[in-house]
Structures are given as structure tokens and as C-alpha cells.
Amino acid sequence: MQKIVPFLWFDHQAEEAMNFYVSLFHDSKVLSVTRYGAAGPGPKGSVMSATFQLEGQEFYALNGGPQFSFTPAISLFVNCEAQQEVDELWEKLSQGGEKQPCGWLKDRYGLSWQIIPTALGKMLQDKDPQKSTRVMQAMMQMTRIDIARLKQAYDGA
């Protein structure tokens, strides 16, 4: 059992969101689903809570009602090795949601994600401040992160 588990509060879409997320990531699975009984408070048979894994990271989802909603103050940061992975996750997660600057997006459930190539971190940490500054400036102009454009900025091209 994982000691620290992100807890996601949904109005009523926990099962739908969980199944969507599990379909997008490798090494992902539904671990458990608990449904409301006759005593409620949700409709009998509807999902009360669920646990799932994405890339081995455990999550807990709750259908808690409309009292709380997600904010960008908490986001899920996804390290991507290749542009194809960035592009695929960017398009699928943002569908029905909102594309935002610098690799951020809000999915159809309101959860914020950062779809970031690992190359970005390496370039930003370069000891040459001119290279890292050019990369930062290039990234600030992007919504979906483009590794080739970052590399051009890094190389000063």
C-alpha cells in the first residue's frame, strides 16, 4: 500500500474519470470500486469511491457532490520521454477541457495536468544561463510543449 495517495473529489463522475484516465496510461488499472447501498447518501448502485493506479501511482476518487471542485493549484505532472507521448496525452486529456499555456491543461472533469517532456527540465537546468533563458522564453510562447522548438531555442537557432 502506498503511504501517500492523491485524493480526487468529483461531483458524480469519479467512475467515468477513473476509467478514462486508466485507458490513457500504461501500467494502469482499477483497484477497487465501492458503491452506495440503499442507505445512500448517493443513488443505490452508484459509485461512492474508487481506487486506481496510473503508471503505478495510486489514486483515490470520491463522488462527494458539488461542494468542492478542482483548482490549478494542484495539478498532475506527467513526465514524457518523446514528442509522440506529449502529443497523444495532450490531445486526449484536453478533449472536452481547456488547453492552457506552458504544457498545462484542464481535462473535462476540471483536473489540471502538466504534460511535460523530460527534455525541458534538462534544458532548463543547463549551466549556460543563455541556453536555459532561451528555452524558458520559447516555452512561455507554447501551449502544447514542442521538443523540436525547445531544442532550436536551446541551440540558439
C-alpha atoms as a PDB file:
ATOM      1  CA  MET A   1       0.000   0.000   0.000  1.00  0.00           C
ATOM      2  CA  GLN A   2       1.280   3.424  -0.972  1.00  0.00           C
ATOM      3  CA  LYS A   3       1.706   5.747   2.025  1.00  0.00           C
ATOM      4  CA  ILE A   4       0.644   8.986   0.288  1.00  0.00           C
ATOM      5  CA  VAL A   5      -2.225   8.762  -2.198  1.00  0.00           C
ATOM      6  CA  PRO A   6      -3.734  11.714  -4.090  1.00  0.00           C
ATOM      7  CA  PHE A   7      -7.446  12.027  -3.261  1.00  0.00           C
ATOM      8  CA  LEU A   8      -9.653  13.331  -6.085  1.00  0.00           C
ATOM      9  CA  TRP A   9     -13.075  14.722  -5.203  1.00  0.00           C
ATOM     10  CA  PHE A  10     -15.599  14.566  -8.040  1.00  0.00           C
ATOM     11  CA  ASP A  11     -19.210  15.717  -8.074  1.00  0.00           C
ATOM     12  CA  HIS A  12     -20.549  12.478  -9.628  1.00  0.00           C
ATOM     13  CA  GLN A  13     -18.039  11.500 -12.360  1.00  0.00           C
ATOM     14  CA  ALA A  14     -15.461   9.504 -10.353  1.00  0.00           C
ATOM     15  CA  GLU A  15     -16.042   6.210 -12.185  1.00  0.00           C
ATOM     16  CA  GLU A  16     -16.104   7.820 -15.622  1.00  0.00           C
ATOM     17  CA  ALA A  17     -12.943   9.836 -14.900  1.00  0.00           C
ATOM     18  CA  MET A  18     -11.129   6.841 -13.436  1.00  0.00           C
ATOM     19  CA  ASN A  19     -11.921   4.677 -16.463  1.00  0.00           C
ATOM     20  CA  PHE A  20     -10.841   7.482 -18.807  1.00  0.00           C
ATOM     21  CA  TYR A  21      -7.511   8.003 -17.034  1.00  0.00           C
ATOM     22  CA  VAL A  22      -6.801   4.256 -16.836  1.00  0.00           C
ATOM     23  CA  SER A  23      -7.402   3.988 -20.604  1.00  0.00           C
ATOM     24  CA  LEU A  24      -4.712   6.622 -21.328  1.00  0.00           C
ATOM     25  CA  PHE A  25      -1.726   5.413 -19.320  1.00  0.00           C
ATOM     26  CA  HIS A  26       0.290   2.189 -19.456  1.00  0.00           C
ATOM     27  CA  ASP A  27       0.673   0.151 -16.276  1.00  0.00           C
ATOM     28  CA  SER A  28      -2.704   1.416 -15.081  1.00  0.00           C
ATOM     29  CA  LYS A  29      -5.683  -0.366 -13.554  1.00  0.00           C
ATOM     30  CA  VAL A  30      -8.785  -0.061 -11.443  1.00  0.00           C
ATOM     31  CA  LEU A  31      -8.075  -1.425  -7.962  1.00  0.00           C
ATOM     32  CA  SER A  32     -11.469  -1.187  -6.231  1.00  0.00           C
ATOM     33  CA  VAL A  33     -14.915   0.339  -6.540  1.00  0.00           C
ATOM     34  CA  THR A  34     -17.331   0.890  -3.642  1.00  0.00           C
ATOM     35  CA  ARG A  35     -20.967   1.555  -4.497  1.00  0.00           C
ATOM     36  CA  TYR A  36     -23.707   3.198  -2.458  1.00  0.00           C
ATOM     37  CA  GLY A  37     -26.256   0.896  -0.896  1.00  0.00           C
ATOM     38  CA  ALA A  38     -29.879   1.571  -0.067  1.00  0.00           C
ATOM     39  CA  ALA A  39     -28.862   3.871   2.824  1.00  0.00           C
ATOM     40  CA  GLY A  40     -27.217   6.321   0.381  1.00  0.00           C
ATOM     41  CA  PRO A  41     -26.469   9.159   0.500  1.00  0.00           C
ATOM     42  CA  GLY A  42     -25.923   8.644  -3.252  1.00  0.00           C
ATOM     43  CA  PRO A  43     -28.254   6.686  -5.519  1.00  0.00           C
ATOM     44  CA  LYS A  44     -28.170   2.945  -4.792  1.00  0.00           C
ATOM     45  CA  GLY A  45     -25.600   1.252  -7.055  1.00  0.00           C
ATOM     46  CA  SER A  46     -23.768   4.463  -7.980  1.00  0.00           C
ATOM     47  CA  VAL A  47     -20.079   4.773  -7.206  1.00  0.00           C
ATOM     48  CA  MET A  48     -19.206   6.214  -3.805  1.00  0.00           C
ATOM     49  CA  SER A  49     -15.438   5.784  -4.079  1.00  0.00           C
ATOM     50  CA  ALA A  50     -12.797   4.037  -6.144  1.00  0.00           C
ATOM     51  CA  THR A  51      -9.082   3.404  -6.134  1.00  0.00           C
ATOM     52  CA  PHE A  52      -6.922   3.096  -9.225  1.00  0.00           C
ATOM     53  CA  GLN A  53      -3.338   3.223 -10.438  1.00  0.00           C
ATOM     54  CA  LEU A  54      -1.815   5.307 -13.228  1.00  0.00           C
ATOM     55  CA  GLU A  55       1.717   4.257 -14.148  1.00  0.00           C
ATOM     56  CA  GLY A  56       1.930   2.572 -10.739  1.00  0.00           C
ATOM     57  CA  GLN A  57       0.814   5.720  -8.804  1.00  0.00           C
ATOM     58  CA  GLU A  58      -2.265   5.084  -6.669  1.00  0.00           C
ATOM     59  CA  PHE A  59      -5.224   7.488  -6.605  1.00  0.00           C
ATOM     60  CA  TYR A  60      -8.421   7.608  -4.578  1.00  0.00           C
ATOM     61  CA  ALA A  61     -11.572   9.021  -6.196  1.00  0.00           C
ATOM     62  CA  LEU A  62     -14.758  10.052  -4.422  1.00  0.00           C
ATOM     63  CA  ASN A  63     -18.152  11.132  -5.679  1.00  0.00           C
ATOM     64  CA  GLY A  64     -18.568  13.721  -2.965  1.00  0.00           C
ATOM     65  CA  GLY A  65     -21.027  16.113  -4.575  1.00  0.00           C
ATOM     66  CA  PRO A  66     -20.695  19.674  -5.824  1.00  0.00           C
ATOM     67  CA  GLN A  67     -19.287  21.232  -2.632  1.00  0.00           C
ATOM     68  CA  PHE A  68     -15.681  21.218  -3.906  1.00  0.00           C
ATOM     69  CA  SER A  69     -14.040  21.471  -7.300  1.00  0.00           C
ATOM     70  CA  PHE A  70     -10.502  21.210  -8.632  1.00  0.00           C
ATOM     71  CA  THR A  71      -8.224  24.235  -8.958  1.00  0.00           C
ATOM     72  CA  PRO A  72      -4.950  24.601 -10.873  1.00  0.00           C
ATOM     73  CA  ALA A  73      -3.187  24.995  -7.506  1.00  0.00           C
ATOM     74  CA  ILE A  74      -2.853  21.209  -7.618  1.00  0.00           C
ATOM     75  CA  SER A  75      -2.005  19.517 -10.899  1.00  0.00           C
ATOM     76  CA  LEU A  76      -0.766  16.153 -12.082  1.00  0.00           C
ATOM     77  CA  PHE A  77       2.689  16.470 -13.661  1.00  0.00           C
ATOM     78  CA  VAL A  78       3.353  13.885 -16.380  1.00  0.00           C
ATOM     79  CA  ASN A  79       6.961  13.292 -17.476  1.00  0.00           C
ATOM     80  CA  CYS A  80       7.019  12.371 -21.161  1.00  0.00           C
ATOM     81  CA  GLU A  81      10.059  10.952 -22.955  1.00  0.00           C
ATOM     82  CA  ALA A  82       9.009  11.623 -26.555  1.00  0.00           C
ATOM     83  CA  GLN A  83       7.008  14.146 -28.554  1.00  0.00           C
ATOM     84  CA  GLN A  84       4.542  11.441 -29.592  1.00  0.00           C
ATOM     85  CA  GLU A  85       3.654  10.827 -25.935  1.00  0.00           C
ATOM     86  CA  VAL A  86       3.302  14.579 -25.290  1.00  0.00           C
ATOM     87  CA  ASP A  87       1.035  14.976 -28.320  1.00  0.00           C
ATOM     88  CA  GLU A  88      -1.137  11.951 -27.564  1.00  0.00           C
ATOM     89  CA  LEU A  89      -1.714  12.767 -23.895  1.00  0.00           C
ATOM     90  CA  TRP A  90      -2.179  16.477 -24.665  1.00  0.00           C
ATOM     91  CA  GLU A  91      -4.917  15.801 -27.217  1.00  0.00           C
ATOM     92  CA  LYS A  92      -6.734  13.102 -25.264  1.00  0.00           C
ATOM     93  CA  LEU A  93      -6.654  14.794 -21.860  1.00  0.00           C
ATOM     94  CA  SER A  94      -7.623  18.232 -23.192  1.00  0.00           C
ATOM     95  CA  GLN A  95     -10.573  16.911 -25.238  1.00  0.00           C
ATOM     96  CA  GLY A  96     -13.654  18.499 -23.711  1.00  0.00           C
ATOM     97  CA  GLY A  97     -11.436  20.511 -21.371  1.00  0.00           C
ATOM     98  CA  GLU A  98      -9.200  23.533 -21.803  1.00  0.00           C
ATOM     99  CA  LYS A  99      -5.705  23.868 -23.307  1.00  0.00           C
ATOM    100  CA  GLN A 100      -3.568  26.276 -21.324  1.00  0.00           C
ATOM    101  CA  PRO A 101      -0.090  27.831 -21.649  1.00  0.00           C
ATOM    102  CA  CYS A 102       3.224  26.106 -20.926  1.00  0.00           C
ATOM    103  CA  GLY A 103       2.074  22.488 -21.164  1.00  0.00           C
ATOM    104  CA  TRP A 104      -0.839  22.864 -18.751  1.00  0.00           C
ATOM    105  CA  LEU A 105      -4.364  21.731 -19.489  1.00  0.00           C
ATOM    106  CA  LYS A 106      -7.610  21.208 -17.685  1.00  0.00           C
ATOM    107  CA  ASP A 107      -9.407  17.962 -18.524  1.00  0.00           C
ATOM    108  CA  ARG A 108     -13.173  17.559 -18.986  1.00  0.00           C
ATOM    109  CA  TYR A 109     -13.534  16.914 -15.238  1.00  0.00           C
ATOM    110  CA  GLY A 110     -11.702  20.112 -14.275  1.00  0.00           C
ATOM    111  CA  LEU A 111      -8.490  18.396 -13.121  1.00  0.00           C
ATOM    112  CA  SER A 112      -5.285  20.229 -14.111  1.00  0.00           C
ATOM    113  CA  TRP A 113      -2.413  18.376 -15.768  1.00  0.00           C
ATOM    114  CA  GLN A 114       1.067  19.349 -16.901  1.00  0.00           C
ATOM    115  CA  ILE A 115       2.207  17.336 -19.922  1.00  0.00           C
ATOM    116  CA  ILE A 116       5.949  17.962 -19.909  1.00  0.00           C
ATOM    117  CA  PRO A 117       8.794  16.373 -21.878  1.00  0.00           C
ATOM    118  CA  THR A 118      11.737  15.383 -19.673  1.00  0.00           C
ATOM    119  CA  ALA A 119      13.964  17.222 -22.174  1.00  0.00           C
ATOM    120  CA  LEU A 120      12.506  20.534 -20.954  1.00  0.00           C
ATOM    121  CA  GLY A 121      13.810  20.063 -17.413  1.00  0.00           C
ATOM    122  CA  LYS A 122      17.245  19.074 -18.686  1.00  0.00           C
ATOM    123  CA  MET A 123      17.462  22.157 -20.896  1.00  0.00           C
ATOM    124  CA  LEU A 124      16.214  24.499 -18.182  1.00  0.00           C
ATOM    125  CA  GLN A 125      18.848  23.160 -15.791  1.00  0.00           C
ATOM    126  CA  ASP A 126      21.726  23.767 -18.214  1.00  0.00           C
ATOM    127  CA  LYS A 127      24.687  25.555 -16.618  1.00  0.00           C
ATOM    128  CA  ASP A 128      24.729  28.027 -19.514  1.00  0.00           C
ATOM    129  CA  PRO A 129      22.203  30.696 -18.452  1.00  0.00           C
ATOM    130  CA  GLN A 130      21.756  31.915 -22.042  1.00  0.00           C
ATOM    131  CA  LYS A 131      20.624  28.467 -23.180  1.00  0.00           C
ATOM    132  CA  SER A 132      18.199  27.997 -20.292  1.00  0.00           C
ATOM    133  CA  THR A 133      16.837  31.535 -20.751  1.00  0.00           C
ATOM    134  CA  ARG A 134      16.166  30.921 -24.453  1.00  0.00           C
ATOM    135  CA  VAL A 135      14.402  27.661 -23.615  1.00  0.00           C
ATOM    136  CA  MET A 136      12.265  29.369 -20.961  1.00  0.00           C
ATOM    137  CA  GLN A 137      11.322  32.132 -23.396  1.00  0.00           C
ATOM    138  CA  ALA A 138      10.379  29.561 -26.053  1.00  0.00           C
ATOM    139  CA  MET A 139       8.309  27.540 -23.590  1.00  0.00           C
ATOM    140  CA  MET A 140       6.428  30.638 -22.454  1.00  0.00           C
ATOM    141  CA  GLN A 141       5.159  31.038 -26.043  1.00  0.00           C
ATOM    142  CA  MET A 142       3.757  27.474 -26.202  1.00  0.00           C
ATOM    143  CA  THR A 143       0.585  25.757 -25.138  1.00  0.00           C
ATOM    144  CA  ARG A 144       1.481  22.131 -26.012  1.00  0.00           C
ATOM    145  CA  ILE A 145       5.222  21.749 -25.468  1.00  0.00           C
ATOM    146  CA  ASP A 146       7.173  21.141 -28.694  1.00  0.00           C
ATOM    147  CA  ILE A 147      10.538  19.454 -28.092  1.00  0.00           C
ATOM    148  CA  ALA A 148      11.950  20.425 -31.513  1.00  0.00           C
ATOM    149  CA  ARG A 149      11.209  24.120 -30.902  1.00  0.00           C
ATOM    150  CA  LEU A 150      12.759  23.880 -27.447  1.00  0.00           C
ATOM    151  CA  LYS A 151      15.862  22.301 -28.968  1.00  0.00           C
ATOM    152  CA  GLN A 152      16.090  25.101 -31.547  1.00  0.00           C
ATOM    153  CA  ALA A 153      15.942  27.693 -28.780  1.00  0.00           C
ATOM    154  CA  TYR A 154      18.499  25.744 -26.732  1.00  0.00           C
ATOM    155  CA  ASP A 155      20.891  25.621 -29.705  1.00  0.00           C
ATOM    156  CA  GLY A 156      20.335  29.310 -30.437  1.00  0.00           C
ATOM    157  CA  ALA A 157      18.917  28.576 -33.877  1.00  0.00           C
END
